[in-house]
Amino acid sequence: MSAFKFTNADGVSRFGRYACCGGGNEYLDEAKAAGQSPSFLFDEIKARIAKEPVKHRIVVQLAADGDTVDDATVRWPRPVPRSISARLL
C-alpha cells in the first residue's frame, strides 16, 4: 500500500493510503493456499458473481504530519482510522 495525494473539492490536499476491499475476504496462510487449485481465485469470483453482485469498498487511511509517505514499506506509527471513500457495486 503506497501513499497518494488526495485533494478535496476545496483544493485541500492530504496524503493517504488506500485499499480496495471486496466482500468475503479470506486470508489464507501458506498451507491453506498451497492446497488450492492454480485457478481458485477465478473459480471463486465466477461462483460469487453467479450468486450475487460483487461489492467493493475503497478505504482510505489519511497520513498525519510526519508520517512517511514515500516508502510503502514503512508502517505508520499508530493505528490509523480507515474511512470508506467509495462503494462499488
Protein backbone atom coordinates (compact mmCIF):
# COMPACT_ATOMS: atom_id res chain seq x y z
CA MET A 1 0.00 0.00 0.00
CA SER A 2 1.55 3.29 -1.11
CA ALA A 3 0.61 6.83 -0.15
CA PHE A 4 -1.07 9.08 -2.70
CA LYS A 5 -2.14 12.72 -2.61
CA PHE A 6 -5.91 13.14 -2.22
CA THR A 7 -7.40 16.57 -2.95
CA ASN A 8 -10.90 17.52 -1.86
CA ALA A 9 -13.38 19.83 -3.61
CA ASP A 10 -11.95 22.83 -1.72
CA GLY A 11 -8.45 22.15 -3.08
CA VAL A 12 -7.07 20.91 0.26
CA SER A 13 -4.63 18.01 -0.21
CA ARG A 14 -3.51 15.28 2.19
CA PHE A 15 -1.57 12.10 1.66
CA GLY A 16 -3.18 8.77 2.36
CA ARG A 17 -3.03 5.08 1.66
CA TYR A 18 -5.94 3.28 0.07
CA ALA A 19 -7.06 -0.28 -0.33
CA CYS A 20 -9.78 -1.91 -2.40
CA CYS A 21 -11.65 -4.35 -0.18
CA GLY A 22 -14.10 -6.87 -1.53
CA GLY A 23 -16.78 -8.68 0.40
CA GLY A 24 -15.95 -12.08 1.75
CA ASN A 25 -12.19 -11.62 2.00
CA GLU A 26 -10.47 -14.64 3.43
CA TYR A 27 -6.77 -14.56 4.25
CA LEU A 28 -5.01 -17.82 3.53
CA ASP A 29 -1.89 -19.00 5.29
CA GLU A 30 0.76 -20.77 3.20
CA ALA A 31 -0.55 -24.25 3.97
CA LYS A 32 -4.15 -23.42 3.03
CA ALA A 33 -3.05 -21.54 -0.11
CA ALA A 34 -0.90 -24.50 -1.20
CA GLY A 35 -3.98 -26.73 -1.11
CA GLN A 36 -5.90 -24.58 -3.63
CA SER A 37 -6.02 -25.07 -7.38
CA PRO A 38 -4.00 -22.66 -9.55
CA SER A 39 -7.27 -21.07 -10.72
CA PHE A 40 -9.06 -20.90 -7.35
CA LEU A 41 -9.43 -17.10 -7.41
CA PHE A 42 -11.04 -17.19 -10.86
CA ASP A 43 -13.27 -20.08 -9.82
CA GLU A 44 -14.37 -18.28 -6.65
CA ILE A 45 -15.23 -15.00 -8.36
CA LYS A 46 -17.21 -16.79 -11.10
CA ALA A 47 -19.28 -18.59 -8.46
CA ARG A 48 -19.78 -15.40 -6.41
CA ILE A 49 -20.89 -13.33 -9.44
CA ALA A 50 -23.38 -16.05 -10.41
CA LYS A 51 -24.89 -15.88 -6.92
CA GLU A 52 -24.93 -12.10 -6.22
CA PRO A 53 -23.42 -8.77 -7.30
CA VAL A 54 -19.83 -8.26 -6.21
CA LYS A 55 -19.37 -5.30 -3.89
CA HIS A 56 -16.10 -3.50 -3.17
CA ARG A 57 -15.14 -0.64 -0.87
CA ILE A 58 -12.33 1.84 -1.39
CA VAL A 59 -10.93 2.54 2.06
CA VAL A 60 -8.54 5.43 2.77
CA GLN A 61 -6.17 5.99 5.70
CA LEU A 62 -5.03 9.62 5.90
CA ALA A 63 -1.45 10.38 6.92
CA ALA A 64 -0.62 12.57 9.90
CA ASP A 65 2.13 15.17 9.94
CA GLY A 66 5.48 13.39 10.00
CA ASP A 67 4.24 10.09 8.55
CA THR A 68 6.43 8.62 5.83
CA VAL A 69 4.50 8.92 2.58
CA ASP A 70 7.19 7.97 0.05
CA ASP A 71 8.03 4.45 1.23
CA ALA A 72 5.24 1.85 1.33
CA THR A 73 7.33 -0.48 3.48
CA VAL A 74 7.25 1.92 6.46
CA ARG A 75 4.36 1.35 8.84
CA TRP A 76 2.69 4.40 10.26
CA PRO A 77 3.43 4.59 13.99
CA ARG A 78 -0.12 4.41 15.33
CA PRO A 79 -3.43 2.82 14.46
CA VAL A 80 -4.76 4.83 11.53
CA PRO A 81 -8.53 5.02 11.21
CA ARG A 82 -9.88 3.95 7.85
CA SER A 83 -12.77 5.70 6.20
CA ILE A 84 -14.86 4.30 3.39
CA SER A 85 -14.42 6.67 0.47
CA ALA A 86 -16.45 4.79 -2.13
CA ARG A 87 -18.58 1.72 -2.65
CA LEU A 88 -18.50 -0.04 -5.97
CA LEU A 89 -21.46 -2.28 -6.72
